[in-house]
Amino acid sequence: MISKNNAEHYVWGENCDGWYLVNRQDMLVIHEKMPPGTAEKRHWHSVARQFFFVLDGVLSMELDGEVHAISASQGLEIPPGSTHQARNDTGSPVEFIVISHPTTRGDRSDTP
């Protein structure tokens, strides 16, 4: 059994948290938490397909230049080759699950 409480934890970006729920080459499932006003770098993956599912709060996801406000119990698929950036543009933390198939390790290119 795995949960945020017993999963391997890491800190990324601007004081954001991540917990590895599944950490394999063929699949990566992460529970992430972003404080208000934080953002990841805009990037893309050549092979990995991702799905972001919001648990609490509102995640702003820029996908190929269009911003989507993803609320709790909503999700958005990110196809390979699509430029994207997750942001928390709100005044409250946002928590979400990211599923990547296969893993994104070694499959990330930052955009200017």
PDB file of N, CA and C in Angstrom:
ATOM      1  N   MET A   1       0.856  -1.171   0.000  1.00  0.00           N
ATOM      2  CA  MET A   1       0.000   0.000   0.000  1.00  0.00           C
ATOM      3  C   MET A   1       0.904   1.236   0.000  1.00  0.00           C
ATOM      4  N   ILE A   2       0.579   2.208  -0.840  1.00  0.00           N
ATOM      5  CA  ILE A   2       1.374   3.434  -0.930  1.00  0.00           C
ATOM      6  C   ILE A   2       0.465   4.637  -0.729  1.00  0.00           C
ATOM      7  N   SER A   3       0.993   5.654  -0.092  1.00  0.00           N
ATOM      8  CA  SER A   3       0.278   6.920   0.087  1.00  0.00           C
ATOM      9  C   SER A   3       1.295   8.039   0.189  1.00  0.00           C
ATOM     10  N   LYS A   4       0.817   9.244   0.196  1.00  0.00           N
ATOM     11  CA  LYS A   4       1.667  10.417   0.377  1.00  0.00           C
ATOM     12  C   LYS A   4       2.441  10.316   1.695  1.00  0.00           C
ATOM     13  N   ASN A   5       1.846   9.658   2.686  1.00  0.00           N
ATOM     14  CA  ASN A   5       2.455   9.565   4.009  1.00  0.00           C
ATOM     15  C   ASN A   5       3.659   8.629   4.073  1.00  0.00           C
ATOM     16  N   ASN A   6       3.742   7.630   3.170  1.00  0.00           N
ATOM     17  CA  ASN A   6       4.869   6.708   3.235  1.00  0.00           C
ATOM     18  C   ASN A   6       5.684   6.658   1.941  1.00  0.00           C
ATOM     19  N   ALA A   7       5.353   7.476   0.961  1.00  0.00           N
ATOM     20  CA  ALA A   7       6.066   7.494  -0.316  1.00  0.00           C
ATOM     21  C   ALA A   7       7.359   8.301  -0.200  1.00  0.00           C
ATOM     22  N   GLU A   8       8.296   8.007  -1.107  1.00  0.00           N
ATOM     23  CA  GLU A   8       9.538   8.782  -1.176  1.00  0.00           C
ATOM     24  C   GLU A   8       9.197  10.229  -1.551  1.00  0.00           C
ATOM     25  N   HIS A   9       9.703  11.181  -0.776  1.00  0.00           N
ATOM     26  CA  HIS A   9       9.406  12.603  -0.955  1.00  0.00           C
ATOM     27  C   HIS A   9      10.603  13.323  -1.570  1.00  0.00           C
ATOM     28  N   TYR A  10      10.330  14.341  -2.369  1.00  0.00           N
ATOM     29  CA  TYR A  10      11.386  15.216  -2.888  1.00  0.00           C
ATOM     30  C   TYR A  10      10.834  16.628  -3.013  1.00  0.00           C
ATOM     31  N   VAL A  11      11.718  17.599  -3.067  1.00  0.00           N
ATOM     32  CA  VAL A  11      11.355  18.998  -3.244  1.00  0.00           C
ATOM     33  C   VAL A  11      11.855  19.431  -4.618  1.00  0.00           C
ATOM     34  N   TRP A  12      11.020  20.155  -5.352  1.00  0.00           N
ATOM     35  CA  TRP A  12      11.396  20.610  -6.692  1.00  0.00           C
ATOM     36  C   TRP A  12      10.984  22.066  -6.877  1.00  0.00           C
ATOM     37  N   GLY A  13      11.563  22.701  -7.889  1.00  0.00           N
ATOM     38  CA  GLY A  13      11.184  24.077  -8.249  1.00  0.00           C
ATOM     39  C   GLY A  13      11.259  25.030  -7.077  1.00  0.00           C
ATOM     40  N   GLU A  14      10.232  25.849  -6.934  1.00  0.00           N
ATOM     41  CA  GLU A  14      10.167  26.902  -5.926  1.00  0.00           C
ATOM     42  C   GLU A  14       9.449  26.402  -4.670  1.00  0.00           C
ATOM     43  N   ASN A  15      10.064  25.437  -3.970  1.00  0.00           N
ATOM     44  CA  ASN A  15       9.510  24.890  -2.733  1.00  0.00           C
ATOM     45  C   ASN A  15       8.242  24.057  -2.968  1.00  0.00           C
ATOM     46  N   CYS A  16       8.196  23.362  -4.099  1.00  0.00           N
ATOM     47  CA  CYS A  16       7.101  22.443  -4.402  1.00  0.00           C
ATOM     48  C   CYS A  16       7.474  21.055  -3.892  1.00  0.00           C
ATOM     49  N   ASP A  17       6.466  20.243  -3.588  1.00  0.00           N
ATOM     50  CA  ASP A  17       6.685  18.901  -3.063  1.00  0.00           C
ATOM     51  C   ASP A  17       6.212  17.845  -4.041  1.00  0.00           C
ATOM     52  N   GLY A  18       6.889  16.713  -4.034  1.00  0.00           N
ATOM     53  CA  GLY A  18       6.480  15.564  -4.822  1.00  0.00           C
ATOM     54  C   GLY A  18       6.653  14.287  -4.029  1.00  0.00           C
ATOM     55  N   TRP A  19       5.768  13.329  -4.265  1.00  0.00           N
ATOM     56  CA  TRP A  19       5.834  12.015  -3.634  1.00  0.00           C
ATOM     57  C   TRP A  19       5.692  10.968  -4.722  1.00  0.00           C
ATOM     58  N   TYR A  20       6.682  10.063  -4.840  1.00  0.00           N
ATOM     59  CA  TYR A  20       6.639   8.998  -5.835  1.00  0.00           C
ATOM     60  C   TYR A  20       5.677   7.906  -5.381  1.00  0.00           C
ATOM     61  N   LEU A  21       4.567   7.762  -6.056  1.00  0.00           N
ATOM     62  CA  LEU A  21       3.608   6.700  -5.756  1.00  0.00           C
ATOM     63  C   LEU A  21       3.938   5.436  -6.555  1.00  0.00           C
ATOM     64  N   VAL A  22       4.348   5.617  -7.804  1.00  0.00           N
ATOM     65  CA  VAL A  22       4.856   4.541  -8.655  1.00  0.00           C
ATOM     66  C   VAL A  22       6.068   5.117  -9.367  1.00  0.00           C
ATOM     67  N   ASN A  23       7.198   4.412  -9.303  1.00  0.00           N
ATOM     68  CA  ASN A  23       8.435   4.941  -9.878  1.00  0.00           C
ATOM     69  C   ASN A  23       9.131   3.823 -10.661  1.00  0.00           C
ATOM     70  N   ARG A  24       8.629   3.606 -11.896  1.00  0.00           N
ATOM     71  CA  ARG A  24       9.174   2.560 -12.760  1.00  0.00           C
ATOM     72  C   ARG A  24       9.501   3.164 -14.121  1.00  0.00           C
ATOM     73  N   GLN A  25      10.281   2.454 -14.922  1.00  0.00           N
ATOM     74  CA  GLN A  25      10.626   2.937 -16.259  1.00  0.00           C
ATOM     75  C   GLN A  25       9.402   3.038 -17.165  1.00  0.00           C
ATOM     76  N   ASP A  26       8.444   2.126 -17.000  1.00  0.00           N
ATOM     77  CA  ASP A  26       7.287   2.121 -17.887  1.00  0.00           C
ATOM     78  C   ASP A  26       6.148   3.004 -17.396  1.00  0.00           C
ATOM     79  N   MET A  27       6.240   3.501 -16.140  1.00  0.00           N
ATOM     80  CA  MET A  27       5.183   4.363 -15.607  1.00  0.00           C
ATOM     81  C   MET A  27       5.694   5.121 -14.392  1.00  0.00           C
ATOM     82  N   LEU A  28       5.288   6.384 -14.312  1.00  0.00           N
ATOM     83  CA  LEU A  28       5.628   7.233 -13.179  1.00  0.00           C
ATOM     84  C   LEU A  28       4.331   7.876 -12.686  1.00  0.00           C
ATOM     85  N   VAL A  29       4.024   7.701 -11.388  1.00  0.00           N
ATOM     86  CA  VAL A  29       2.850   8.327 -10.789  1.00  0.00           C
ATOM     87  C   VAL A  29       3.339   9.129  -9.596  1.00  0.00           C
ATOM     88  N   ILE A  30       3.056  10.434  -9.618  1.00  0.00           N
ATOM     89  CA  ILE A  30       3.547  11.343  -8.585  1.00  0.00           C
ATOM     90  C   ILE A  30       2.386  12.155  -8.024  1.00  0.00           C
ATOM     91  N   HIS A  31       2.352  12.298  -6.708  1.00  0.00           N
ATOM     92  CA  HIS A  31       1.444  13.228  -6.030  1.00  0.00           C
ATOM     93  C   HIS A  31       2.269  14.491  -5.816  1.00  0.00           C
ATOM     94  N   GLU A  32       1.796  15.626  -6.314  1.00  0.00           N
ATOM     95  CA  GLU A  32       2.552  16.869  -6.200  1.00  0.00           C
ATOM     96  C   GLU A  32       1.729  17.942  -5.510  1.00  0.00           C
ATOM     97  N   LYS A  33       2.449  18.860  -4.868  1.00  0.00           N
ATOM     98  CA  LYS A  33       1.825  20.006  -4.198  1.00  0.00           C
ATOM     99  C   LYS A  33       2.615  21.254  -4.561  1.00  0.00           C
ATOM    100  N   MET A  34       1.886  22.273  -5.055  1.00  0.00           N
ATOM    101  CA  MET A  34       2.507  23.544  -5.432  1.00  0.00           C
ATOM    102  C   MET A  34       1.929  24.662  -4.569  1.00  0.00           C
ATOM    103  N   PRO A  35       2.790  25.397  -3.858  1.00  0.00           N
ATOM    104  CA  PRO A  35       2.313  26.556  -3.098  1.00  0.00           C
ATOM    105  C   PRO A  35       1.804  27.651  -4.040  1.00  0.00           C
ATOM    106  N   PRO A  36       1.072  28.617  -3.508  1.00  0.00           N
ATOM    107  CA  PRO A  36       0.591  29.730  -4.331  1.00  0.00           C
ATOM    108  C   PRO A  36       1.740  30.445  -5.047  1.00  0.00           C
ATOM    109  N   GLY A  37       1.494  30.834  -6.291  1.00  0.00           N
ATOM    110  CA  GLY A  37       2.448  31.636  -7.052  1.00  0.00           C
ATOM    111  C   GLY A  37       3.646  30.891  -7.598  1.00  0.00           C
ATOM    112  N   THR A  38       3.652  29.555  -7.578  1.00  0.00           N
ATOM    113  CA  THR A  38       4.790  28.795  -8.084  1.00  0.00           C
ATOM    114  C   THR A  38       4.506  28.263  -9.482  1.00  0.00           C
ATOM    115  N   ALA A  39       5.589  27.897 -10.176  1.00  0.00           N
ATOM    116  CA  ALA A  39       5.460  27.373 -11.539  1.00  0.00           C
ATOM    117  C   ALA A  39       6.656  26.488 -11.859  1.00  0.00           C
ATOM    118  N   GLU A  40       6.431  25.525 -12.738  1.00  0.00           N
ATOM    119  CA  GLU A  40       7.548  24.740 -13.253  1.00  0.00           C
ATOM    120  C   GLU A  40       8.050  25.417 -14.522  1.00  0.00           C
ATOM    121  N   LYS A  41       9.213  25.008 -15.020  1.00  0.00           N
ATOM    122  CA  LYS A  41       9.724  25.535 -16.284  1.00  0.00           C
ATOM    123  C   LYS A  41       8.897  24.972 -17.435  1.00  0.00           C
ATOM    124  N   ARG A  42       8.658  25.804 -18.439  1.00  0.00           N
ATOM    125  CA  ARG A  42       7.954  25.355 -19.645  1.00  0.00           C
ATOM    126  C   ARG A  42       8.849  24.322 -20.335  1.00  0.00           C
ATOM    127  N   HIS A  43       8.260  23.192 -20.736  1.00  0.00           N
ATOM    128  CA  HIS A  43       9.044  22.104 -21.312  1.00  0.00           C
ATOM    129  C   HIS A  43       8.156  21.192 -22.151  1.00  0.00           C
ATOM    130  N   TRP A  44       8.771  20.143 -22.711  1.00  0.00           N
ATOM    131  CA  TRP A  44       8.045  19.134 -23.471  1.00  0.00           C
ATOM    132  C   TRP A  44       8.766  17.793 -23.343  1.00  0.00           C
ATOM    133  N   HIS A  45       8.041  16.721 -23.634  1.00  0.00           N
ATOM    134  CA  HIS A  45       8.593  15.367 -23.603  1.00  0.00           C
ATOM    135  C   HIS A  45       8.429  14.757 -24.990  1.00  0.00           C
ATOM    136  N   SER A  46       9.470  14.100 -25.474  1.00  0.00           N
ATOM    137  CA  SER A  46       9.378  13.533 -26.822  1.00  0.00           C
ATOM    138  C   SER A  46       8.639  12.196 -26.841  1.00  0.00           C
ATOM    139  N   VAL A  47       8.665  11.440 -25.745  1.00  0.00           N
ATOM    140  CA  VAL A  47       8.053  10.117 -25.717  1.00  0.00           C
ATOM    141  C   VAL A  47       6.911  10.025 -24.698  1.00  0.00           C
ATOM    142  N   ALA A  48       7.111  10.578 -23.517  1.00  0.00           N
ATOM    143  CA  ALA A  48       6.148  10.405 -22.423  1.00  0.00           C
ATOM    144  C   ALA A  48       4.828  11.130 -22.675  1.00  0.00           C
ATOM    145  N   ARG A  49       3.753  10.433 -22.385  1.00  0.00           N
ATOM    146  CA  ARG A  49       2.410  11.007 -22.367  1.00  0.00           C
ATOM    147  C   ARG A  49       2.063  11.193 -20.898  1.00  0.00           C
ATOM    148  N   GLN A  50       1.471  12.348 -20.545  1.00  0.00           N
ATOM    149  CA  GLN A  50       1.155  12.629 -19.155  1.00  0.00           C
ATOM    150  C   GLN A  50      -0.325  12.933 -18.968  1.00  0.00           C
ATOM    151  N   PHE A  51      -0.787  12.680 -17.739  1.00  0.00           N
ATOM    152  CA  PHE A  51      -2.139  13.044 -17.354  1.00  0.00           C
ATOM    153  C   PHE A  51      -2.063  13.689 -15.975  1.00  0.00           C
ATOM    154  N   PHE A  52      -2.552  14.917 -15.874  1.00  0.00           N
ATOM    155  CA  PHE A  52      -2.589  15.679 -14.621  1.00  0.00           C
ATOM    156  C   PHE A  52      -4.015  15.652 -14.093  1.00  0.00           C
ATOM    157  N   PHE A  53      -4.189  15.216 -12.842  1.00  0.00           N
ATOM    158  CA  PHE A  53      -5.507  15.133 -12.220  1.00  0.00           C
ATOM    159  C   PHE A  53      -5.470  15.892 -10.900  1.00  0.00           C
ATOM    160  N   VAL A  54      -6.286  16.929 -10.775  1.00  0.00           N
ATOM    161  CA  VAL A  54      -6.253  17.804  -9.600  1.00  0.00           C
ATOM    162  C   VAL A  54      -7.082  17.203  -8.471  1.00  0.00           C
ATOM    163  N   LEU A  55      -6.467  17.162  -7.287  1.00  0.00           N
ATOM    164  CA  LEU A  55      -7.127  16.670  -6.078  1.00  0.00           C
ATOM    165  C   LEU A  55      -7.749  17.806  -5.279  1.00  0.00           C
ATOM    166  N   ASP A  56      -7.023  18.936  -5.188  1.00  0.00           N
ATOM    167  CA  ASP A  56      -7.483  20.073  -4.388  1.00  0.00           C
ATOM    168  C   ASP A  56      -6.888  21.353  -4.951  1.00  0.00           C
ATOM    169  N   GLY A  57      -7.705  22.384  -5.098  1.00  0.00           N
ATOM    170  CA  GLY A  57      -7.240  23.657  -5.631  1.00  0.00           C
ATOM    171  C   GLY A  57      -7.469  23.754  -7.128  1.00  0.00           C
ATOM    172  N   VAL A  58      -6.774  24.708  -7.748  1.00  0.00           N
ATOM    173  CA  VAL A  58      -6.882  24.929  -9.195  1.00  0.00           C
ATOM    174  C   VAL A  58      -5.477  24.997  -9.781  1.00  0.00           C
ATOM    175  N   LEU A  59      -5.195  24.147 -10.746  1.00  0.00           N
ATOM    176  CA  LEU A  59      -3.916  24.121 -11.440  1.00  0.00           C
ATOM    177  C   LEU A  59      -4.072  24.824 -12.780  1.00  0.00           C
ATOM    178  N   SER A  60      -3.223  25.801 -13.052  1.00  0.00           N
ATOM    179  CA  SER A  60      -3.189  26.435 -14.375  1.00  0.00           C
ATOM    180  C   SER A  60      -2.180  25.670 -15.214  1.00  0.00           C
ATOM    181  N   MET A  61      -2.645  25.087 -16.315  1.00  0.00           N
ATOM    182  CA  MET A  61      -1.763  24.338 -17.202  1.00  0.00           C
ATOM    183  C   MET A  61      -1.743  25.008 -18.559  1.00  0.00           C
ATOM    184  N   GLU A  62      -0.579  25.517 -18.924  1.00  0.00           N
ATOM    185  CA  GLU A  62      -0.407  26.066 -20.262  1.00  0.00           C
ATOM    186  C   GLU A  62      -0.020  24.903 -21.167  1.00  0.00           C
ATOM    187  N   LEU A  63      -0.826  24.656 -22.178  1.00  0.00           N
ATOM    188  CA  LEU A  63      -0.603  23.566 -23.126  1.00  0.00           C
ATOM    189  C   LEU A  63      -0.582  24.148 -24.529  1.00  0.00           C
ATOM    190  N   ASP A  64       0.589  24.123 -25.150  1.00  0.00           N
ATOM    191  CA  ASP A  64       0.765  24.663 -26.499  1.00  0.00           C
ATOM    192  C   ASP A  64       0.190  26.075 -26.625  1.00  0.00           C
ATOM    193  N   GLY A  65       0.458  26.920 -25.618  1.00  0.00           N
ATOM    194  CA  GLY A  65       0.067  28.326 -25.656  1.00  0.00           C
ATOM    195  C   GLY A  65      -1.314  28.638 -25.114  1.00  0.00           C
ATOM    196  N   GLU A  66      -2.126  27.622 -24.817  1.00  0.00           N
ATOM    197  CA  GLU A  66      -3.466  27.846 -24.272  1.00  0.00           C
ATOM    198  C   GLU A  66      -3.474  27.467 -22.791  1.00  0.00           C
ATOM    199  N   VAL A  67      -4.012  28.352 -21.939  1.00  0.00           N
ATOM    200  CA  VAL A  67      -4.045  28.101 -20.498  1.00  0.00           C
ATOM    201  C   VAL A  67      -5.376  27.457 -20.113  1.00  0.00           C
ATOM    202  N   HIS A  68      -5.284  26.348 -19.383  1.00  0.00           N
ATOM    203  CA  HIS A  68      -6.451  25.615 -18.880  1.00  0.00           C
ATOM    204  C   HIS A  68      -6.456  25.709 -17.367  1.00  0.00           C
ATOM    205  N   ALA A  69      -7.569  26.092 -16.769  1.00  0.00           N
ATOM    206  CA  ALA A  69      -7.736  26.102 -15.321  1.00  0.00           C
ATOM    207  C   ALA A  69      -8.366  24.767 -14.942  1.00  0.00           C
ATOM    208  N   ILE A  70      -7.584  23.898 -14.306  1.00  0.00           N
ATOM    209  CA  ILE A  70      -8.044  22.554 -13.958  1.00  0.00           C
ATOM    210  C   ILE A  70      -8.417  22.551 -12.482  1.00  0.00           C
ATOM    211  N   SER A  71      -9.676  22.325 -12.185  1.00  0.00           N
ATOM    212  CA  SER A  71     -10.183  22.321 -10.807  1.00  0.00           C
ATOM    213  C   SER A  71     -10.171  20.911 -10.237  1.00  0.00           C
ATOM    214  N   ALA A  72     -10.465  20.807  -8.937  1.00  0.00           N
ATOM    215  CA  ALA A  72     -10.524  19.508  -8.263  1.00  0.00           C
ATOM    216  C   ALA A  72     -11.466  18.560  -8.995  1.00  0.00           C
ATOM    217  N   SER A  73     -11.050  17.324  -9.128  1.00  0.00           N
ATOM    218  CA  SER A  73     -11.779  16.251  -9.820  1.00  0.00           C
ATOM    219  C   SER A  73     -11.796  16.419 -11.324  1.00  0.00           C
ATOM    220  N   GLN A  74     -10.886  17.235 -11.868  1.00  0.00           N
ATOM    221  CA  GLN A  74     -10.734  17.386 -13.318  1.00  0.00           C
ATOM    222  C   GLN A  74      -9.298  17.037 -13.701  1.00  0.00           C
ATOM    223  N   GLY A  75      -9.108  16.648 -14.966  1.00  0.00           N
ATOM    224  CA  GLY A  75      -7.783  16.300 -15.436  1.00  0.00           C
ATOM    225  C   GLY A  75      -7.543  16.767 -16.857  1.00  0.00           C
ATOM    226  N   LEU A  76      -6.272  16.721 -17.269  1.00  0.00           N
ATOM    227  CA  LEU A  76      -5.883  17.131 -18.618  1.00  0.00           C
ATOM    228  C   LEU A  76      -4.745  16.234 -19.089  1.00  0.00           C
ATOM    229  N   GLU A  77      -4.888  15.721 -20.308  1.00  0.00           N
ATOM    230  CA  GLU A  77      -3.846  14.887 -20.911  1.00  0.00           C
ATOM    231  C   GLU A  77      -2.865  15.759 -21.679  1.00  0.00           C
ATOM    232  N   ILE A  78      -1.582  15.442 -21.548  1.00  0.00           N
ATOM    233  CA  ILE A  78      -0.518  16.149 -22.256  1.00  0.00           C
ATOM    234  C   ILE A  78       0.135  15.151 -23.217  1.00  0.00           C
ATOM    235  N   PRO A  79      -0.110  15.276 -24.521  1.00  0.00           N
ATOM    236  CA  PRO A  79       0.484  14.348 -25.483  1.00  0.00           C
ATOM    237  C   PRO A  79       1.992  14.587 -25.639  1.00  0.00           C
ATOM    238  N   PRO A  80       2.743  13.572 -26.052  1.00  0.00           N
ATOM    239  CA  PRO A  80       4.166  13.761 -26.319  1.00  0.00           C
ATOM    240  C   PRO A  80       4.369  14.879 -27.343  1.00  0.00           C
ATOM    241  N   GLY A  81       5.432  15.647 -27.167  1.00  0.00           N
ATOM    242  CA  GLY A  81       5.757  16.730 -28.089  1.00  0.00           C
ATOM    243  C   GLY A  81       5.040  18.034 -27.808  1.00  0.00           C
ATOM    244  N   SER A  82       4.141  18.065 -26.829  1.00  0.00           N
ATOM    245  CA  SER A  82       3.379  19.277 -26.512  1.00  0.00           C
ATOM    246  C   SER A  82       4.100  20.103 -25.444  1.00  0.00           C
ATOM    247  N   THR A  83       4.314  21.364 -25.740  1.00  0.00           N
ATOM    248  CA  THR A  83       4.923  22.270 -24.777  1.00  0.00           C
ATOM    249  C   THR A  83       3.907  22.573 -23.685  1.00  0.00           C
ATOM    250  N   HIS A  84       4.357  22.467 -22.424  1.00  0.00           N
ATOM    251  CA  HIS A  84       3.433  22.691 -21.315  1.00  0.00           C
ATOM    252  C   HIS A  84       4.157  23.263 -20.101  1.00  0.00           C
ATOM    253  N   GLN A  85       3.367  23.868 -19.212  1.00  0.00           N
ATOM    254  CA  GLN A  85       3.880  24.439 -17.968  1.00  0.00           C
ATOM    255  C   GLN A  85       2.768  24.433 -16.933  1.00  0.00           C
ATOM    256  N   ALA A  86       3.020  23.779 -15.797  1.00  0.00           N
ATOM    257  CA  ALA A  86       2.080  23.778 -14.676  1.00  0.00           C
ATOM    258  C   ALA A  86       2.386  24.990 -13.806  1.00  0.00           C
ATOM    259  N   ARG A  87       1.310  25.694 -13.398  1.00  0.00           N
ATOM    260  CA  ARG A  87       1.457  26.877 -12.539  1.00  0.00           C
ATOM    261  C   ARG A  87       0.351  26.878 -11.503  1.00  0.00           C
ATOM    262  N   ASN A  88       0.656  27.515 -10.376  1.00  0.00           N
ATOM    263  CA  ASN A  88      -0.390  27.785  -9.394  1.00  0.00           C
ATOM    264  C   ASN A  88      -0.564  29.294  -9.358  1.00  0.00           C
ATOM    265  N   ASP A  89      -1.559  29.787 -10.052  1.00  0.00           N
ATOM    266  CA  ASP A  89      -1.832  31.225 -10.146  1.00  0.00           C
ATOM    267  C   ASP A  89      -2.782  31.700  -9.051  1.00  0.00           C
ATOM    268  N   THR A  90      -3.104  30.827  -8.095  1.00  0.00           N
ATOM    269  CA  THR A  90      -4.074  31.170  -7.058  1.00  0.00           C
ATOM    270  C   THR A  90      -3.368  31.516  -5.745  1.00  0.00           C
ATOM    271  N   GLY A  91      -4.151  31.865  -4.746  1.00  0.00           N
ATOM    272  CA  GLY A  91      -3.637  32.187  -3.419  1.00  0.00           C
ATOM    273  C   GLY A  91      -3.647  31.009  -2.473  1.00  0.00           C
ATOM    274  N   SER A  92      -3.976  29.813  -2.968  1.00  0.00           N
ATOM    275  CA  SER A  92      -4.030  28.601  -2.143  1.00  0.00           C
ATOM    276  C   SER A  92      -3.178  27.506  -2.772  1.00  0.00           C
ATOM    277  N   PRO A  93      -2.682  26.558  -1.976  1.00  0.00           N
ATOM    278  CA  PRO A  93      -1.926  25.443  -2.552  1.00  0.00           C
ATOM    279  C   PRO A  93      -2.797  24.617  -3.497  1.00  0.00           C
ATOM    280  N   VAL A  94      -2.153  23.945  -4.429  1.00  0.00           N
ATOM    281  CA  VAL A  94      -2.847  23.013  -5.314  1.00  0.00           C
ATOM    282  C   VAL A  94      -2.150  21.656  -5.201  1.00  0.00           C
ATOM    283  N   GLU A  95      -2.944  20.586  -5.108  1.00  0.00           N
ATOM    284  CA  GLU A  95      -2.413  19.229  -5.071  1.00  0.00           C
ATOM    285  C   GLU A  95      -2.993  18.444  -6.239  1.00  0.00           C
ATOM    286  N   PHE A  96      -2.132  17.636  -6.863  1.00  0.00           N
ATOM    287  CA  PHE A  96      -2.555  16.898  -8.042  1.00  0.00           C
ATOM    288  C   PHE A  96      -1.726  15.641  -8.214  1.00  0.00           C
ATOM    289  N   ILE A  97      -2.233  14.747  -9.039  1.00  0.00           N
ATOM    290  CA  ILE A  97      -1.538  13.519  -9.427  1.00  0.00           C
ATOM    291  C   ILE A  97      -1.066  13.684 -10.865  1.00  0.00           C
ATOM    292  N   VAL A  98       0.186  13.278 -11.122  1.00  0.00           N
ATOM    293  CA  VAL A  98       0.728  13.266 -12.481  1.00  0.00           C
ATOM    294  C   VAL A  98       1.061  11.815 -12.828  1.00  0.00           C
ATOM    295  N   ILE A  99       0.465  11.336 -13.915  1.00  0.00           N
ATOM    296  CA  ILE A  99       0.761   9.996 -14.416  1.00  0.00           C
ATOM    297  C   ILE A  99       1.535  10.163 -15.719  1.00  0.00           C
ATOM    298  N   SER A 100       2.695   9.538 -15.795  1.00  0.00           N
ATOM    299  CA  SER A 100       3.530   9.616 -16.996  1.00  0.00           C
ATOM    300  C   SER A 100       3.794   8.211 -17.513  1.00  0.00           C
ATOM    301  N   HIS A 101       3.599   8.029 -18.820  1.00  0.00           N
ATOM    302  CA  HIS A 101       3.838   6.728 -19.452  1.00  0.00           C
ATOM    303  C   HIS A 101       4.584   6.917 -20.749  1.00  0.00           C
ATOM    304  N   PRO A 102       5.808   6.409 -20.903  1.00  0.00           N
ATOM    305  CA  PRO A 102       6.636   5.861 -19.842  1.00  0.00           C
ATOM    306  C   PRO A 102       7.159   6.978 -18.943  1.00  0.00           C
ATOM    307  N   THR A 103       8.153   6.670 -18.119  1.00  0.00           N
ATOM    308  CA  THR A 103       8.716   7.682 -17.224  1.00  0.00           C
ATOM    309  C   THR A 103       9.210   8.892 -18.014  1.00  0.00           C
ATOM    310  N   THR A 104       9.273  10.039 -17.355  1.00  0.00           N
ATOM    311  CA  THR A 104       9.787  11.263 -17.991  1.00  0.00           C
ATOM    312  C   THR A 104      11.298  11.411 -17.782  1.00  0.00           C
ATOM    313  N   ARG A 105      11.899  10.516 -17.037  1.00  0.00           N
ATOM    314  CA  ARG A 105      13.350  10.590 -16.778  1.00  0.00           C
ATOM    315  C   ARG A 105      14.119  10.502 -18.092  1.00  0.00           C
ATOM    316  N   GLY A 106      14.945  11.523 -18.368  1.00  0.00           N
ATOM    317  CA  GLY A 106      15.720  11.558 -19.593  1.00  0.00           C
ATOM    318  C   GLY A 106      14.904  11.935 -20.810  1.00  0.00           C
ATOM    319  N   ASP A 107      13.658  12.354 -20.623  1.00  0.00           N
ATOM    320  CA  ASP A 107      12.756  12.680 -21.730  1.00  0.00           C
ATOM    321  C   ASP A 107      12.141  14.056 -21.525  1.00  0.00           C
ATOM    322  N   ARG A 108      12.959  15.026 -21.164  1.00  0.00           N
ATOM    323  CA  ARG A 108      12.456  16.372 -20.926  1.00  0.00           C
ATOM    324  C   ARG A 108      13.370  17.378 -21.621  1.00  0.00           C
ATOM    325  N   SER A 109      12.757  18.301 -22.367  1.00  0.00           N
ATOM    326  CA  SER A 109      13.499  19.379 -23.008  1.00  0.00           C
ATOM    327  C   SER A 109      12.830  20.689 -22.610  1.00  0.00           C
ATOM    328  N   ASP A 110      13.612  21.574 -21.972  1.00  0.00           N
ATOM    329  CA  ASP A 110      13.095  22.887 -21.601  1.00  0.00           C
ATOM    330  C   ASP A 110      12.979  23.768 -22.823  1.00  0.00           C
ATOM    331  N   THR A 111      11.992  24.654 -22.823  1.00  0.00           N
ATOM    332  CA  THR A 111      11.811  25.591 -23.918  1.00  0.00           C
ATOM    333  C   THR A 111      12.217  26.982 -23.434  1.00  0.00           C
ATOM    334  N   PRO A 112      12.670  27.812 -24.353  1.00  0.00           N
ATOM    335  CA  PRO A 112      13.089  29.169 -23.946  1.00  0.00           C
ATOM    336  C   PRO A 112      11.956  30.024 -23.468  1.00  0.00           C
TER     337      PRO A 112
END
